[in-house]
């Protein structure tokens, strides 16, 4: 067995079915990879459906009592019996040669990778609205760049980051780094994020190879409910807070204080746009900037974003 494929899910068996069907259509034989399904505290009905799917697709099933995507991914790493683990979101469908491309990237001559991020193309449940800012396709976990190279170097576009919707990690390196940080990451329906970015930069700063390879490709099912102004504003608010948390975890607090005056200025100048109803698209380009700045400012000034995310998700604080 060469690879563990890990799917973490919470109450979404319909998407898991599509993901497992995609894994069934891989160009390599099934004895080259194993599938691990981590049920992150799903409801009893969803948990029963996931049990059936795991049996149908010969997947190992792990059930957790506490939700939280970082907890689920760490559980997958501890359960893996291979050198590398490939994380794929439950709403992503792997390309037929996904596993084949991963195995080729791992075996590539040169410095062995600790983390490889892959390409993520959209599979729309509804058309992308015309009002959606072109610069914000990334918040939908879309990565369209073609090419290969080390992150944060001239070989890749500036700002390109890995997403755990399609990411391969060396298991021992992941565990040695402490796993995915429990202080960030999704809890239930909250939108705190960037746990994979924190891990990637931590590994890269420690001298490991952390790279991107567009040959490793999945199709991300973009839910129609996300293509609404309310979701975008909420996503940017939590992204502002996530940015602060990630920088603190990476010991980059000075960059927070350098950026804070600019975020305060944006929030003050554009504050009147908050009077626009959240469901409206009017002045949205200004309003999403206010949303991001607000999350950034609150987290920078001591607001406990993780506790707030857990409270919003109505779940107990994970150990």
Protein backbone atom coordinates (compact mmCIF):
# COMPACT_ATOMS: atom_id res chain seq x y z
CA UNK A 1 0.00 0.00 0.00
CA UNK A 2 1.51 3.34 -1.09
CA UNK A 3 -0.98 6.00 -0.03
CA UNK A 4 -3.77 6.74 2.44
CA UNK A 5 -6.62 8.87 1.10
CA UNK A 6 -8.44 10.70 3.89
CA UNK A 7 -11.94 12.18 3.59
CA UNK A 8 -13.16 14.20 6.58
CA UNK A 9 -16.88 14.90 6.71
CA UNK A 10 -19.65 16.27 8.87
CA UNK A 11 -23.29 15.56 7.96
CA UNK A 12 -22.70 15.37 4.18
CA UNK A 13 -23.05 11.77 2.99
CA UNK A 14 -24.34 12.88 -0.42
CA UNK A 15 -21.05 14.60 -1.21
CA UNK A 16 -19.05 11.74 0.27
CA UNK A 17 -20.77 9.36 -2.15
CA UNK A 18 -19.58 11.43 -5.13
CA UNK A 19 -16.05 11.58 -3.74
CA UNK A 20 -15.92 7.81 -3.16
CA UNK A 21 -17.29 7.16 -6.64
CA UNK A 22 -14.43 9.26 -8.02
CA UNK A 23 -11.92 7.19 -6.06
CA UNK A 24 -13.45 4.04 -7.48
CA UNK A 25 -12.66 5.28 -11.02
CA UNK A 26 -8.91 5.79 -10.43
CA UNK A 27 -6.41 4.72 -13.09
CA UNK A 28 -4.29 2.81 -10.56
CA UNK A 29 -5.37 -0.42 -8.91
CA UNK A 30 -7.00 -0.24 -5.50
CA UNK A 31 -4.14 -2.13 -3.87
CA UNK A 32 -2.02 1.03 -4.34
CA UNK A 33 -4.10 3.13 -1.94
CA UNK A 34 -6.45 2.80 1.00
CA UNK A 35 -9.41 5.05 1.83
CA UNK A 36 -10.00 6.44 5.32
CA UNK A 37 -13.33 8.13 6.08
CA UNK A 38 -13.39 10.29 9.22
CA UNK A 39 -16.88 11.07 10.49
CA UNK A 40 -16.59 14.34 12.43
CA UNK A 41 -19.53 13.99 14.85
CA UNK A 42 -22.24 13.67 12.22
CA UNK A 43 -25.89 13.28 13.20
CA UNK A 44 -27.13 9.70 13.75
CA UNK A 45 -28.89 9.60 10.38
CA UNK A 46 -25.85 10.88 8.47
CA UNK A 47 -23.55 8.60 10.49
CA UNK A 48 -25.63 5.58 9.46
CA UNK A 49 -25.42 6.61 5.80
CA UNK A 50 -21.66 7.04 6.08
CA UNK A 51 -21.35 3.56 7.57
CA UNK A 52 -23.13 2.10 4.55
CA UNK A 53 -20.93 4.07 2.14
CA UNK A 54 -17.76 2.98 3.91
CA UNK A 55 -18.78 -0.66 3.61
CA UNK A 56 -19.71 -0.31 -0.06
CA UNK A 57 -16.38 1.31 -0.95
CA UNK A 58 -14.07 -0.72 1.30
CA UNK A 59 -13.15 2.36 3.35
CA UNK A 60 -11.99 2.39 6.96
CA UNK A 61 -14.38 4.45 9.06
CA UNK A 62 -13.39 6.48 12.12
CA UNK A 63 -16.05 8.25 14.17
CA UNK A 64 -15.26 11.27 16.35
CA UNK A 65 -17.48 12.59 19.13
CA UNK A 66 -16.35 16.19 18.62
CA UNK A 67 -16.63 18.12 15.36
CA UNK A 68 -13.75 20.17 13.99
CA UNK A 69 -11.90 19.67 10.73
CA UNK A 70 -8.44 19.92 12.32
CA UNK A 71 -9.34 17.20 14.82
CA UNK A 72 -10.63 15.01 12.00
CA UNK A 73 -7.54 15.48 9.83
CA UNK A 74 -5.23 14.76 12.76
CA UNK A 75 -7.20 11.59 13.54
CA UNK A 76 -6.70 10.55 9.93
CA UNK A 77 -2.94 11.11 10.19
CA UNK A 78 -2.67 9.03 13.35
CA UNK A 79 -4.65 6.23 11.72
CA UNK A 80 -2.64 6.23 8.47
CA UNK A 81 -0.43 3.21 7.80
CA UNK A 82 1.47 4.71 4.88
CA UNK A 83 4.23 7.30 4.53
CA UNK A 84 1.93 9.82 2.84
CA UNK A 85 -1.67 10.84 3.38
CA UNK A 86 -3.74 12.61 0.73
CA UNK A 87 -6.50 14.85 2.07
CA UNK A 88 -9.53 15.51 -0.11
CA UNK A 89 -12.65 17.42 0.93
CA UNK A 90 -15.88 15.47 1.07
CA UNK A 91 -17.34 17.74 -1.64
CA UNK A 92 -14.39 17.26 -4.01
CA UNK A 93 -14.27 14.69 -6.83
CA UNK A 94 -10.80 13.45 -7.76
CA UNK A 95 -9.70 13.35 -11.39
CA UNK A 96 -9.36 9.76 -12.65
CA UNK A 97 -5.54 10.01 -12.51
CA UNK A 98 -5.49 11.79 -9.12
CA UNK A 99 -3.81 8.98 -7.17
CA UNK A 100 -1.49 8.21 -10.10
CA UNK A 101 -0.36 11.86 -10.19
CA UNK A 102 0.20 11.88 -6.42
CA UNK A 103 2.36 8.76 -6.55
CA UNK A 104 4.37 10.24 -9.43
CA UNK A 105 4.91 13.50 -7.53
CA UNK A 106 6.04 11.66 -4.41
CA UNK A 107 8.52 9.55 -6.41
CA UNK A 108 9.92 12.53 -8.32
CA UNK A 109 13.74 12.76 -8.06
CA UNK A 110 15.19 15.42 -5.79
CA UNK A 111 14.34 16.63 -2.34
CA UNK A 112 11.46 14.54 -0.93
CA UNK A 113 8.29 16.56 -0.28
CA UNK A 114 6.75 17.15 3.12
CA UNK A 115 3.61 18.69 1.59
CA UNK A 116 2.20 18.97 -1.92
CA UNK A 117 -0.76 21.14 -2.80
CA UNK A 118 -2.82 20.36 -5.88
CA UNK A 119 -5.09 22.04 -8.40
CA UNK A 120 -8.76 22.59 -7.51
CA UNK A 121 -11.20 23.32 -10.32
CA UNK A 122 -14.82 24.32 -9.71
CA UNK A 123 -17.85 22.15 -10.37
CA UNK A 124 -20.69 24.63 -10.03
CA UNK A 125 -24.02 23.67 -8.47
CA UNK A 126 -25.26 27.05 -9.73
CA UNK A 127 -23.65 29.59 -12.10
CA UNK A 128 -21.16 31.98 -10.52
CA UNK A 129 -23.04 35.30 -10.16
CA UNK A 130 -21.82 38.23 -12.23
CA UNK A 131 -21.43 40.31 -9.08
CA UNK A 132 -18.89 37.90 -7.55
CA UNK A 133 -15.50 39.69 -7.27
CA UNK A 134 -13.00 38.09 -9.64
CA UNK A 135 -10.26 38.42 -7.01
CA UNK A 136 -12.24 36.28 -4.55
CA UNK A 137 -12.58 33.01 -6.46
CA UNK A 138 -10.02 31.64 -4.01
CA UNK A 139 -12.41 31.86 -1.04
CA UNK A 140 -14.40 29.13 -2.80
CA UNK A 141 -11.32 26.87 -2.56
CA UNK A 142 -10.49 27.24 -6.24
CA UNK A 143 -6.89 26.97 -7.50
CA UNK A 144 -6.58 27.17 -11.28
CA UNK A 145 -2.85 27.75 -11.77
CA UNK A 146 -1.06 25.29 -14.06
CA UNK A 147 2.51 24.40 -13.18
CA UNK A 148 4.79 23.13 -10.44
CA UNK A 149 7.17 24.65 -7.93
CA UNK A 150 7.94 25.50 -4.33
CA UNK A 151 5.46 27.75 -2.59
CA UNK A 152 6.54 31.33 -1.78
CA UNK A 153 9.15 31.34 -4.55
CA UNK A 154 9.31 32.99 -7.97
CA UNK A 155 8.24 29.72 -9.63
CA UNK A 156 4.63 30.25 -8.45
CA UNK A 157 2.28 33.26 -8.42
CA UNK A 158 2.55 35.46 -5.36
CA UNK A 159 -0.07 34.62 -2.77
CA UNK A 160 -0.68 31.06 -3.96
CA UNK A 161 -1.45 28.87 -0.94
CA UNK A 162 -2.30 25.19 -0.44
CA UNK A 163 -5.85 24.12 0.37
CA UNK A 164 -6.53 20.89 2.24
CA UNK A 165 -9.35 20.16 -0.21
CA UNK A 166 -6.50 18.65 -2.25
CA UNK A 167 -3.27 18.23 -0.35
CA UNK A 168 -0.70 15.47 0.24
CA UNK A 169 1.38 15.38 3.43
CA UNK A 170 4.22 13.24 4.69
CA UNK A 171 2.67 11.66 7.78
CA UNK A 172 5.67 11.72 10.12
CA UNK A 173 6.47 15.32 9.19
CA UNK A 174 2.86 16.27 9.88
CA UNK A 175 2.82 14.59 13.28
CA UNK A 176 6.25 15.98 14.20
CA UNK A 177 4.93 19.49 13.47
CA UNK A 178 2.06 18.92 15.88
CA UNK A 179 -0.57 18.23 13.25
CA UNK A 180 -3.19 20.68 12.08
CA UNK A 181 -3.61 23.44 14.66
CA UNK A 182 -6.72 23.09 16.80
CA UNK A 183 -6.83 26.87 17.28
CA UNK A 184 -7.94 27.34 13.67
CA UNK A 185 -10.01 25.39 11.19
CA UNK A 186 -13.73 24.86 10.71
CA UNK A 187 -16.03 24.00 13.59
CA UNK A 188 -19.47 22.92 12.44
CA UNK A 189 -20.77 25.71 10.21
CA UNK A 190 -18.30 28.39 11.32
CA UNK A 191 -15.82 29.60 8.70
CA UNK A 192 -12.54 29.90 10.58
CA UNK A 193 -9.81 28.63 8.25
CA UNK A 194 -6.10 28.58 7.23
CA UNK A 195 -5.04 25.56 9.30
CA UNK A 196 -3.40 24.04 6.22
CA UNK A 197 -1.56 27.28 5.45
CA UNK A 198 -0.16 27.38 8.97
CA UNK A 199 1.06 23.79 8.62
CA UNK A 200 2.58 24.39 5.18
CA UNK A 201 4.55 27.47 6.16
CA UNK A 202 5.67 25.85 9.41
CA UNK A 203 7.09 22.91 7.48
CA UNK A 204 8.65 25.15 4.84
CA UNK A 205 10.24 27.41 7.46
CA UNK A 206 11.72 24.29 9.07
CA UNK A 207 13.50 23.51 5.79
CA UNK A 208 11.17 20.96 4.25
CA UNK A 209 10.06 20.94 0.63
CA UNK A 210 6.53 22.33 0.38
CA UNK A 211 5.39 22.53 -3.20
CA UNK A 212 2.54 22.80 -5.68
CA UNK A 213 1.78 20.38 -8.50
CA UNK A 214 -1.16 21.08 -10.79
CA UNK A 215 -1.13 17.52 -12.13
CA UNK A 216 -2.79 16.52 -8.85
CA UNK A 217 -6.31 17.71 -9.64
CA UNK A 218 -9.78 17.54 -8.11
CA UNK A 219 -13.12 19.13 -8.99
CA UNK A 220 -14.65 20.99 -6.07
CA UNK A 221 -18.45 21.01 -5.93
CA UNK A 222 -19.30 24.65 -5.17
CA UNK A 223 -22.55 24.66 -3.23
CA UNK A 224 -25.23 27.03 -4.49
CA UNK A 225 -25.80 28.43 -0.98
CA UNK A 226 -22.25 29.78 -0.98
CA UNK A 227 -22.94 31.98 -3.97
CA UNK A 228 -24.87 34.50 -1.85
CA UNK A 229 -23.69 37.87 -0.48
CA UNK A 230 -24.29 36.79 3.14
CA UNK A 231 -21.99 33.80 2.80
CA UNK A 232 -19.26 35.84 1.11
CA UNK A 233 -19.34 38.51 3.82
CA UNK A 234 -19.22 35.89 6.57
CA UNK A 235 -16.37 34.06 4.84
CA UNK A 236 -14.30 37.26 4.55
CA UNK A 237 -15.01 38.20 8.17
CA UNK A 238 -13.67 34.86 9.40
CA UNK A 239 -10.77 35.07 6.93
CA UNK A 240 -9.66 38.33 8.52
CA UNK A 241 -9.61 36.65 11.91
CA UNK A 242 -7.92 33.53 10.49
CA UNK A 243 -5.11 35.63 9.02
CA UNK A 244 -4.32 37.08 12.44
CA UNK A 245 -4.38 33.70 14.17
CA UNK A 246 -2.15 32.13 11.52
CA UNK A 247 0.43 34.91 11.77
CA UNK A 248 0.52 34.63 15.55
CA UNK A 249 0.95 30.87 15.38
CA UNK A 250 3.85 31.40 12.96
CA UNK A 251 5.45 34.00 15.27
CA UNK A 252 4.75 36.85 12.84
CA UNK A 253 2.95 39.22 15.21
CA UNK A 254 4.89 42.25 13.96
CA UNK A 255 3.19 41.95 10.57
CA UNK A 256 -0.21 42.15 12.29
CA UNK A 257 0.61 45.47 13.91
CA UNK A 258 2.04 46.85 10.66
CA UNK A 259 -1.18 46.00 8.84
CA UNK A 260 -3.60 47.02 11.60
CA UNK A 261 -3.62 50.79 10.83
CA UNK A 262 -4.61 50.09 7.23
CA UNK A 263 -7.43 47.78 8.30
CA UNK A 264 -8.65 50.39 10.80
CA UNK A 265 -8.65 53.03 8.06
CA UNK A 266 -10.65 50.79 5.73
CA UNK A 267 -13.18 49.98 8.44
CA UNK A 268 -13.65 53.63 9.36
CA UNK A 269 -13.89 55.00 5.81
CA UNK A 270 -16.28 52.31 4.60
CA UNK A 271 -18.30 51.89 7.80
CA UNK A 272 -21.48 53.45 6.32
CA UNK A 273 -21.73 50.57 3.84
CA UNK A 274 -22.66 48.32 6.77
CA UNK A 275 -26.12 49.88 6.64
CA UNK A 276 -26.77 47.99 3.40
CA UNK A 277 -28.76 44.76 4.03
CA UNK A 278 -26.52 41.69 4.06
CA UNK A 279 -28.47 39.97 1.29
CA UNK A 280 -27.96 42.90 -1.10
CA UNK A 281 -25.18 43.05 -3.70
CA UNK A 282 -25.10 46.86 -3.57
CA UNK A 283 -21.59 48.21 -2.80
CA UNK A 284 -20.41 44.64 -2.22
CA UNK A 285 -16.81 45.42 -3.22
CA UNK A 286 -16.64 47.85 -0.31
CA UNK A 287 -18.60 45.71 2.10
CA UNK A 288 -16.43 42.60 1.80
CA UNK A 289 -13.40 44.74 2.56
CA UNK A 290 -15.12 46.00 5.70
CA UNK A 291 -16.00 42.43 6.67
CA UNK A 292 -12.39 41.28 6.32
CA UNK A 293 -11.07 44.35 8.16
CA UNK A 294 -13.54 43.82 11.02
CA UNK A 295 -12.47 40.21 11.56
CA UNK A 296 -8.82 41.22 11.35
CA UNK A 297 -9.21 44.11 13.81
CA UNK A 298 -11.19 42.11 16.36
CA UNK A 299 -8.72 39.23 16.36
CA UNK A 300 -5.73 41.61 16.49
CA UNK A 301 -7.19 43.41 19.49
CA UNK A 302 -7.71 40.30 21.58
CA UNK A 303 -11.03 38.83 20.43
CA UNK A 304 -10.89 35.06 20.89
CA UNK A 305 -11.89 33.98 17.40
CA UNK A 306 -11.52 30.25 18.05
CA UNK A 307 -13.82 30.29 21.06
CA UNK A 308 -16.30 32.40 19.10
CA UNK A 309 -16.23 29.92 16.21
CA UNK A 310 -16.85 27.00 18.54
CA UNK A 311 -19.67 28.84 20.27
CA UNK A 312 -21.27 29.66 16.91
CA UNK A 313 -21.02 26.00 15.96
CA UNK A 314 -22.56 25.05 19.33
CA UNK A 315 -20.00 22.38 20.09
CA UNK A 316 -17.79 21.68 23.15
CA UNK A 317 -14.26 23.06 23.14
CA UNK A 318 -11.93 20.36 21.77
CA UNK A 319 -8.99 19.23 23.85
